[in-house]
Amino acid sequence: GPDNFAVLTVGFDTANDTPARMHHYARERGAIMPGWTFASADAATMAKLMRDVGFTYKASSKGFDHLIQTTVID
């Protein structure tokens, strides 16, 4: 149930993924619900987080190329 876990969706495009845009993204997808947070950060913080969880991405002509990644932290 919702009290047993939390979901964090992180916008890694630090130039564009502002808190307002992340909220809009969540709202468009019907994902405004308890236990699900959409977040963004400055470039240095994001680089450290991506390194810590092993997420990689590369800029492309369509934005970014990346794999979908789920990281479970207990």
PDB file of N, CA and C in Angstrom:
ATOM      1  N   GLY A   1       0.806  -1.184   0.000  1.00  0.00           N
ATOM      2  CA  GLY A   1       0.000   0.000   0.000  1.00  0.00           C
ATOM      3  C   GLY A   1       0.852   1.252   0.000  1.00  0.00           C
ATOM      4  N   PRO A   2       0.226   2.395  -0.076  1.00  0.00           N
ATOM      5  CA  PRO A   2       0.945   3.660  -0.194  1.00  0.00           C
ATOM      6  C   PRO A   2       1.830   4.001   1.000  1.00  0.00           C
ATOM      7  N   ASP A   3       1.560   3.437   2.159  1.00  0.00           N
ATOM      8  CA  ASP A   3       2.401   3.721   3.327  1.00  0.00           C
ATOM      9  C   ASP A   3       3.622   2.819   3.399  1.00  0.00           C
ATOM     10  N   ASN A   4       3.756   1.878   2.466  1.00  0.00           N
ATOM     11  CA  ASN A   4       4.837   0.913   2.513  1.00  0.00           C
ATOM     12  C   ASN A   4       6.029   1.255   1.640  1.00  0.00           C
ATOM     13  N   PHE A   5       5.872   2.207   0.753  1.00  0.00           N
ATOM     14  CA  PHE A   5       6.974   2.580  -0.127  1.00  0.00           C
ATOM     15  C   PHE A   5       6.747   3.985  -0.662  1.00  0.00           C
ATOM     16  N   ALA A   6       7.801   4.532  -1.246  1.00  0.00           N
ATOM     17  CA  ALA A   6       7.722   5.849  -1.878  1.00  0.00           C
ATOM     18  C   ALA A   6       8.402   5.760  -3.238  1.00  0.00           C
ATOM     19  N   VAL A   7       7.939   6.559  -4.173  1.00  0.00           N
ATOM     20  CA  VAL A   7       8.512   6.610  -5.507  1.00  0.00           C
ATOM     21  C   VAL A   7       9.052   8.022  -5.727  1.00  0.00           C
ATOM     22  N   LEU A   8      10.266   8.097  -6.251  1.00  0.00           N
ATOM     23  CA  LEU A   8      10.884   9.381  -6.581  1.00  0.00           C
ATOM     24  C   LEU A   8      11.231   9.369  -8.059  1.00  0.00           C
ATOM     25  N   THR A   9      10.647  10.260  -8.813  1.00  0.00           N
ATOM     26  CA  THR A   9      10.980  10.441 -10.221  1.00  0.00           C
ATOM     27  C   THR A   9      11.848  11.683 -10.311  1.00  0.00           C
ATOM     28  N   VAL A  10      13.033  11.528 -10.901  1.00  0.00           N
ATOM     29  CA  VAL A  10      14.008  12.610 -10.940  1.00  0.00           C
ATOM     30  C   VAL A  10      14.180  13.098 -12.372  1.00  0.00           C
ATOM     31  N   GLY A  11      14.047  14.398 -12.573  1.00  0.00           N
ATOM     32  CA  GLY A  11      14.311  15.018 -13.861  1.00  0.00           C
ATOM     33  C   GLY A  11      15.789  15.362 -13.961  1.00  0.00           C
ATOM     34  N   PHE A  12      16.506  14.705 -14.842  1.00  0.00           N
ATOM     35  CA  PHE A  12      17.962  14.893 -14.899  1.00  0.00           C
ATOM     36  C   PHE A  12      18.387  15.964 -15.900  1.00  0.00           C
ATOM     37  N   ASP A  13      17.462  16.532 -16.651  1.00  0.00           N
ATOM     38  CA  ASP A  13      17.770  17.628 -17.574  1.00  0.00           C
ATOM     39  C   ASP A  13      17.770  18.922 -16.760  1.00  0.00           C
ATOM     40  N   THR A  14      18.874  19.218 -16.113  1.00  0.00           N
ATOM     41  CA  THR A  14      18.927  20.311 -15.137  1.00  0.00           C
ATOM     42  C   THR A  14      18.631  21.681 -15.739  1.00  0.00           C
ATOM     43  N   ALA A  15      18.806  21.841 -17.029  1.00  0.00           N
ATOM     44  CA  ALA A  15      18.509  23.129 -17.664  1.00  0.00           C
ATOM     45  C   ALA A  15      17.005  23.338 -17.833  1.00  0.00           C
ATOM     46  N   ASN A  16      16.240  22.265 -17.888  1.00  0.00           N
ATOM     47  CA  ASN A  16      14.812  22.370 -18.185  1.00  0.00           C
ATOM     48  C   ASN A  16      13.884  21.778 -17.135  1.00  0.00           C
ATOM     49  N   ASP A  17      14.345  20.823 -16.368  1.00  0.00           N
ATOM     50  CA  ASP A  17      13.484  20.136 -15.414  1.00  0.00           C
ATOM     51  C   ASP A  17      13.389  20.896 -14.097  1.00  0.00           C
ATOM     52  N   THR A  18      12.706  22.020 -14.147  1.00  0.00           N
ATOM     53  CA  THR A  18      12.494  22.834 -12.953  1.00  0.00           C
ATOM     54  C   THR A  18      11.406  22.183 -12.090  1.00  0.00           C
ATOM     55  N   PRO A  19      11.286  22.582 -10.827  1.00  0.00           N
ATOM     56  CA  PRO A  19      10.192  22.034 -10.012  1.00  0.00           C
ATOM     57  C   PRO A  19       8.821  22.240 -10.665  1.00  0.00           C
ATOM     58  N   ALA A  20       8.586  23.397 -11.262  1.00  0.00           N
ATOM     59  CA  ALA A  20       7.291  23.651 -11.910  1.00  0.00           C
ATOM     60  C   ALA A  20       7.072  22.708 -13.091  1.00  0.00           C
ATOM     61  N   ARG A  21       8.078  22.489 -13.892  1.00  0.00           N
ATOM     62  CA  ARG A  21       7.940  21.586 -15.046  1.00  0.00           C
ATOM     63  C   ARG A  21       7.770  20.141 -14.601  1.00  0.00           C
ATOM     64  N   MET A  22       8.449  19.751 -13.526  1.00  0.00           N
ATOM     65  CA  MET A  22       8.283  18.395 -13.014  1.00  0.00           C
ATOM     66  C   MET A  22       6.864  18.196 -12.479  1.00  0.00           C
ATOM     67  N   HIS A  23       6.304  19.211 -11.828  1.00  0.00           N
ATOM     68  CA  HIS A  23       4.922  19.130 -11.345  1.00  0.00           C
ATOM     69  C   HIS A  23       3.961  19.012 -12.524  1.00  0.00           C
ATOM     70  N   HIS A  24       4.198  19.797 -13.558  1.00  0.00           N
ATOM     71  CA  HIS A  24       3.367  19.745 -14.759  1.00  0.00           C
ATOM     72  C   HIS A  24       3.444  18.354 -15.402  1.00  0.00           C
ATOM     73  N   TYR A  25       4.652  17.804 -15.501  1.00  0.00           N
ATOM     74  CA  TYR A  25       4.862  16.468 -16.060  1.00  0.00           C
ATOM     75  C   TYR A  25       4.067  15.433 -15.261  1.00  0.00           C
ATOM     76  N   ALA A  26       4.137  15.507 -13.948  1.00  0.00           N
ATOM     77  CA  ALA A  26       3.409  14.567 -13.092  1.00  0.00           C
ATOM     78  C   ALA A  26       1.902  14.721 -13.284  1.00  0.00           C
ATOM     79  N   ARG A  27       1.434  15.957 -13.319  1.00  0.00           N
ATOM     80  CA  ARG A  27       0.003  16.213 -13.477  1.00  0.00           C
ATOM     81  C   ARG A  27      -0.506  15.696 -14.818  1.00  0.00           C
ATOM     82  N   GLU A  28       0.265  15.917 -15.897  1.00  0.00           N
ATOM     83  CA  GLU A  28      -0.137  15.427 -17.229  1.00  0.00           C
ATOM     84  C   GLU A  28      -0.302  13.919 -17.258  1.00  0.00           C
ATOM     85  N   ARG A  29       0.467  13.219 -16.447  1.00  0.00           N
ATOM     86  CA  ARG A  29       0.448  11.760 -16.449  1.00  0.00           C
ATOM     87  C   ARG A  29      -0.423  11.174 -15.340  1.00  0.00           C
ATOM     88  N   GLY A  30      -1.146  12.019 -14.640  1.00  0.00           N
ATOM     89  CA  GLY A  30      -2.028  11.546 -13.581  1.00  0.00           C
ATOM     90  C   GLY A  30      -1.279  10.941 -12.408  1.00  0.00           C
ATOM     91  N   ALA A  31      -0.093  11.455 -12.143  1.00  0.00           N
ATOM     92  CA  ALA A  31       0.767  10.865 -11.113  1.00  0.00           C
ATOM     93  C   ALA A  31       0.869  11.729  -9.865  1.00  0.00           C
ATOM     94  N   ILE A  32      -0.094  12.597  -9.635  1.00  0.00           N
ATOM     95  CA  ILE A  32      -0.114  13.382  -8.402  1.00  0.00           C
ATOM     96  C   ILE A  32      -0.827  12.529  -7.358  1.00  0.00           C
ATOM     97  N   MET A  33      -0.048  11.903  -6.488  1.00  0.00           N
ATOM     98  CA  MET A  33      -0.631  11.022  -5.475  1.00  0.00           C
ATOM     99  C   MET A  33       0.326  10.899  -4.294  1.00  0.00           C
ATOM    100  N   PRO A  34      -0.203  10.515  -3.149  1.00  0.00           N
ATOM    101  CA  PRO A  34       0.665  10.350  -1.973  1.00  0.00           C
ATOM    102  C   PRO A  34       1.765   9.323  -2.252  1.00  0.00           C
ATOM    103  N   GLY A  35       2.956   9.619  -1.792  1.00  0.00           N
ATOM    104  CA  GLY A  35       4.053   8.677  -1.931  1.00  0.00           C
ATOM    105  C   GLY A  35       4.806   8.756  -3.239  1.00  0.00           C
ATOM    106  N   TRP A  36       4.408   9.653  -4.148  1.00  0.00           N
ATOM    107  CA  TRP A  36       5.112   9.781  -5.425  1.00  0.00           C
ATOM    108  C   TRP A  36       5.575  11.229  -5.555  1.00  0.00           C
ATOM    109  N   THR A  37       6.886  11.421  -5.588  1.00  0.00           N
ATOM    110  CA  THR A  37       7.484  12.744  -5.657  1.00  0.00           C
ATOM    111  C   THR A  37       8.240  12.903  -6.965  1.00  0.00           C
ATOM    112  N   PHE A  38       8.077  14.039  -7.605  1.00  0.00           N
ATOM    113  CA  PHE A  38       8.827  14.395  -8.804  1.00  0.00           C
ATOM    114  C   PHE A  38       9.783  15.505  -8.404  1.00  0.00           C
ATOM    115  N   ALA A  39      11.078  15.327  -8.699  1.00  0.00           N
ATOM    116  CA  ALA A  39      12.087  16.259  -8.201  1.00  0.00           C
ATOM    117  C   ALA A  39      13.087  16.643  -9.275  1.00  0.00           C
ATOM    118  N   SER A  40      13.771  17.729  -9.011  1.00  0.00           N
ATOM    119  CA  SER A  40      14.868  18.189  -9.857  1.00  0.00           C
ATOM    120  C   SER A  40      15.953  18.737  -8.939  1.00  0.00           C
ATOM    121  N   ALA A  41      17.108  19.025  -9.526  1.00  0.00           N
ATOM    122  CA  ALA A  41      18.220  19.542  -8.725  1.00  0.00           C
ATOM    123  C   ALA A  41      19.169  20.326  -9.620  1.00  0.00           C
ATOM    124  N   ASP A  42      20.128  20.987  -9.000  1.00  0.00           N
ATOM    125  CA  ASP A  42      21.140  21.693  -9.779  1.00  0.00           C
ATOM    126  C   ASP A  42      22.082  20.663 -10.419  1.00  0.00           C
ATOM    127  N   ALA A  43      22.871  21.109 -11.386  1.00  0.00           N
ATOM    128  CA  ALA A  43      23.714  20.210 -12.182  1.00  0.00           C
ATOM    129  C   ALA A  43      24.717  19.419 -11.335  1.00  0.00           C
ATOM    130  N   ALA A  44      25.351  20.054 -10.361  1.00  0.00           N
ATOM    131  CA  ALA A  44      26.345  19.355  -9.535  1.00  0.00           C
ATOM    132  C   ALA A  44      25.694  18.261  -8.690  1.00  0.00           C
ATOM    133  N   THR A  45      24.550  18.563  -8.100  1.00  0.00           N
ATOM    134  CA  THR A  45      23.840  17.570  -7.296  1.00  0.00           C
ATOM    135  C   THR A  45      23.368  16.419  -8.171  1.00  0.00           C
ATOM    136  N   MET A  46      22.841  16.748  -9.344  1.00  0.00           N
ATOM    137  CA  MET A  46      22.351  15.707 -10.247  1.00  0.00           C
ATOM    138  C   MET A  46      23.485  14.806 -10.722  1.00  0.00           C
ATOM    139  N   ALA A  47      24.637  15.386 -11.031  1.00  0.00           N
ATOM    140  CA  ALA A  47      25.785  14.587 -11.473  1.00  0.00           C
ATOM    141  C   ALA A  47      26.191  13.598 -10.380  1.00  0.00           C
ATOM    142  N   LYS A  48      26.192  14.044  -9.132  1.00  0.00           N
ATOM    143  CA  LYS A  48      26.549  13.148  -8.018  1.00  0.00           C
ATOM    144  C   LYS A  48      25.503  12.050  -7.847  1.00  0.00           C
ATOM    145  N   LEU A  49      24.230  12.402  -7.902  1.00  0.00           N
ATOM    146  CA  LEU A  49      23.172  11.403  -7.763  1.00  0.00           C
ATOM    147  C   LEU A  49      23.252  10.370  -8.887  1.00  0.00           C
ATOM    148  N   MET A  50      23.398  10.827 -10.112  1.00  0.00           N
ATOM    149  CA  MET A  50      23.469   9.909 -11.255  1.00  0.00           C
ATOM    150  C   MET A  50      24.669   8.965 -11.119  1.00  0.00           C
ATOM    151  N   ARG A  51      25.777   9.497 -10.664  1.00  0.00           N
ATOM    152  CA  ARG A  51      26.968   8.670 -10.442  1.00  0.00           C
ATOM    153  C   ARG A  51      26.714   7.650  -9.327  1.00  0.00           C
ATOM    154  N   ASP A  52      26.089   8.103  -8.243  1.00  0.00           N
ATOM    155  CA  ASP A  52      25.841   7.221  -7.094  1.00  0.00           C
ATOM    156  C   ASP A  52      24.893   6.070  -7.424  1.00  0.00           C
ATOM    157  N   VAL A  53      23.906   6.302  -8.285  1.00  0.00           N
ATOM    158  CA  VAL A  53      22.949   5.239  -8.625  1.00  0.00           C
ATOM    159  C   VAL A  53      23.292   4.524  -9.930  1.00  0.00           C
ATOM    160  N   GLY A  54      24.366   4.978 -10.608  1.00  0.00           N
ATOM    161  CA  GLY A  54      24.805   4.299 -11.824  1.00  0.00           C
ATOM    162  C   GLY A  54      23.952   4.580 -13.047  1.00  0.00           C
ATOM    163  N   PHE A  55      23.312   5.743 -13.083  1.00  0.00           N
ATOM    164  CA  PHE A  55      22.468   6.112 -14.222  1.00  0.00           C
ATOM    165  C   PHE A  55      23.297   6.889 -15.235  1.00  0.00           C
ATOM    166  N   THR A  56      23.190   6.534 -16.496  1.00  0.00           N
ATOM    167  CA  THR A  56      23.917   7.255 -17.539  1.00  0.00           C
ATOM    168  C   THR A  56      22.945   7.746 -18.601  1.00  0.00           C
ATOM    169  N   TYR A  57      23.289   8.861 -19.202  1.00  0.00           N
ATOM    170  CA  TYR A  57      22.494   9.423 -20.279  1.00  0.00           C
ATOM    171  C   TYR A  57      23.410  10.234 -21.183  1.00  0.00           C
ATOM    172  N   LYS A  58      22.940  10.495 -22.375  1.00  0.00           N
ATOM    173  CA  LYS A  58      23.729  11.245 -23.342  1.00  0.00           C
ATOM    174  C   LYS A  58      22.797  12.172 -24.106  1.00  0.00           C
ATOM    175  N   ALA A  59      23.222  13.415 -24.281  1.00  0.00           N
ATOM    176  CA  ALA A  59      22.433  14.354 -25.074  1.00  0.00           C
ATOM    177  C   ALA A  59      22.327  13.839 -26.505  1.00  0.00           C
ATOM    178  N   SER A  60      21.145  14.014 -27.093  1.00  0.00           N
ATOM    179  CA  SER A  60      20.928  13.601 -28.482  1.00  0.00           C
ATOM    180  C   SER A  60      20.086  14.654 -29.186  1.00  0.00           C
ATOM    181  N   SER A  61      19.877  14.472 -30.468  1.00  0.00           N
ATOM    182  CA  SER A  61      19.089  15.443 -31.232  1.00  0.00           C
ATOM    183  C   SER A  61      17.633  15.498 -30.760  1.00  0.00           C
ATOM    184  N   LYS A  62      17.170  14.462 -30.077  1.00  0.00           N
ATOM    185  CA  LYS A  62      15.790  14.424 -29.582  1.00  0.00           C
ATOM    186  C   LYS A  62      15.707  14.755 -28.093  1.00  0.00           C
ATOM    187  N   GLY A  63      16.811  15.153 -27.506  1.00  0.00           N
ATOM    188  CA  GLY A  63      16.842  15.473 -26.083  1.00  0.00           C
ATOM    189  C   GLY A  63      17.927  14.678 -25.388  1.00  0.00           C
ATOM    190  N   PHE A  64      17.563  13.472 -24.928  1.00  0.00           N
ATOM    191  CA  PHE A  64      18.513  12.598 -24.254  1.00  0.00           C
ATOM    192  C   PHE A  64      18.237  11.151 -24.627  1.00  0.00           C
ATOM    193  N   ASP A  65      19.272  10.365 -24.702  1.00  0.00           N
ATOM    194  CA  ASP A  65      19.157   8.917 -24.825  1.00  0.00           C
ATOM    195  C   ASP A  65      19.523   8.329 -23.475  1.00  0.00           C
ATOM    196  N   HIS A  66      18.681   7.430 -22.984  1.00  0.00           N
ATOM    197  CA  HIS A  66      18.953   6.780 -21.704  1.00  0.00           C
ATOM    198  C   HIS A  66      18.077   5.540 -21.593  1.00  0.00           C
ATOM    199  N   LEU A  67      18.481   4.652 -20.739  1.00  0.00           N
ATOM    200  CA  LEU A  67      17.674   3.492 -20.413  1.00  0.00           C
ATOM    201  C   LEU A  67      16.712   3.877 -19.305  1.00  0.00           C
ATOM    202  N   ILE A  68      15.594   3.198 -19.241  1.00  0.00           N
ATOM    203  CA  ILE A  68      14.702   3.368 -18.099  1.00  0.00           C
ATOM    204  C   ILE A  68      15.358   2.643 -16.940  1.00  0.00           C
ATOM    205  N   GLN A  69      15.447   3.297 -15.808  1.00  0.00           N
ATOM    206  CA  GLN A  69      16.120   2.681 -14.666  1.00  0.00           C
ATOM    207  C   GLN A  69      15.260   2.770 -13.431  1.00  0.00           C
ATOM    208  N   THR A  70      15.184   1.678 -12.718  1.00  0.00           N
ATOM    209  CA  THR A  70      14.555   1.650 -11.405  1.00  0.00           C
ATOM    210  C   THR A  70      15.639   1.290 -10.401  1.00  0.00           C
ATOM    211  N   THR A  71      15.796   2.119  -9.400  1.00  0.00           N
ATOM    212  CA  THR A  71      16.762   1.867  -8.337  1.00  0.00           C
ATOM    213  C   THR A  71      15.992   1.652  -7.053  1.00  0.00           C
ATOM    214  N   VAL A  72      16.205   0.528  -6.409  1.00  0.00           N
ATOM    215  CA  VAL A  72      15.521   0.223  -5.166  1.00  0.00           C
ATOM    216  C   VAL A  72      16.485   0.492  -4.013  1.00  0.00           C
ATOM    217  N   ILE A  73      16.058   1.336  -3.094  1.00  0.00           N
ATOM    218  CA  ILE A  73      16.871   1.673  -1.924  1.00  0.00           C
ATOM    219  C   ILE A  73      16.073   1.268  -0.695  1.00  0.00           C
ATOM    220  N   ASP A  74      16.686   0.458   0.131  1.00  0.00           N
ATOM    221  CA  ASP A  74      15.992  -0.010   1.332  1.00  0.00           C
ATOM    222  C   ASP A  74      16.721   0.510   2.562  1.00  0.00           C
TER     223      ASP A  74
END
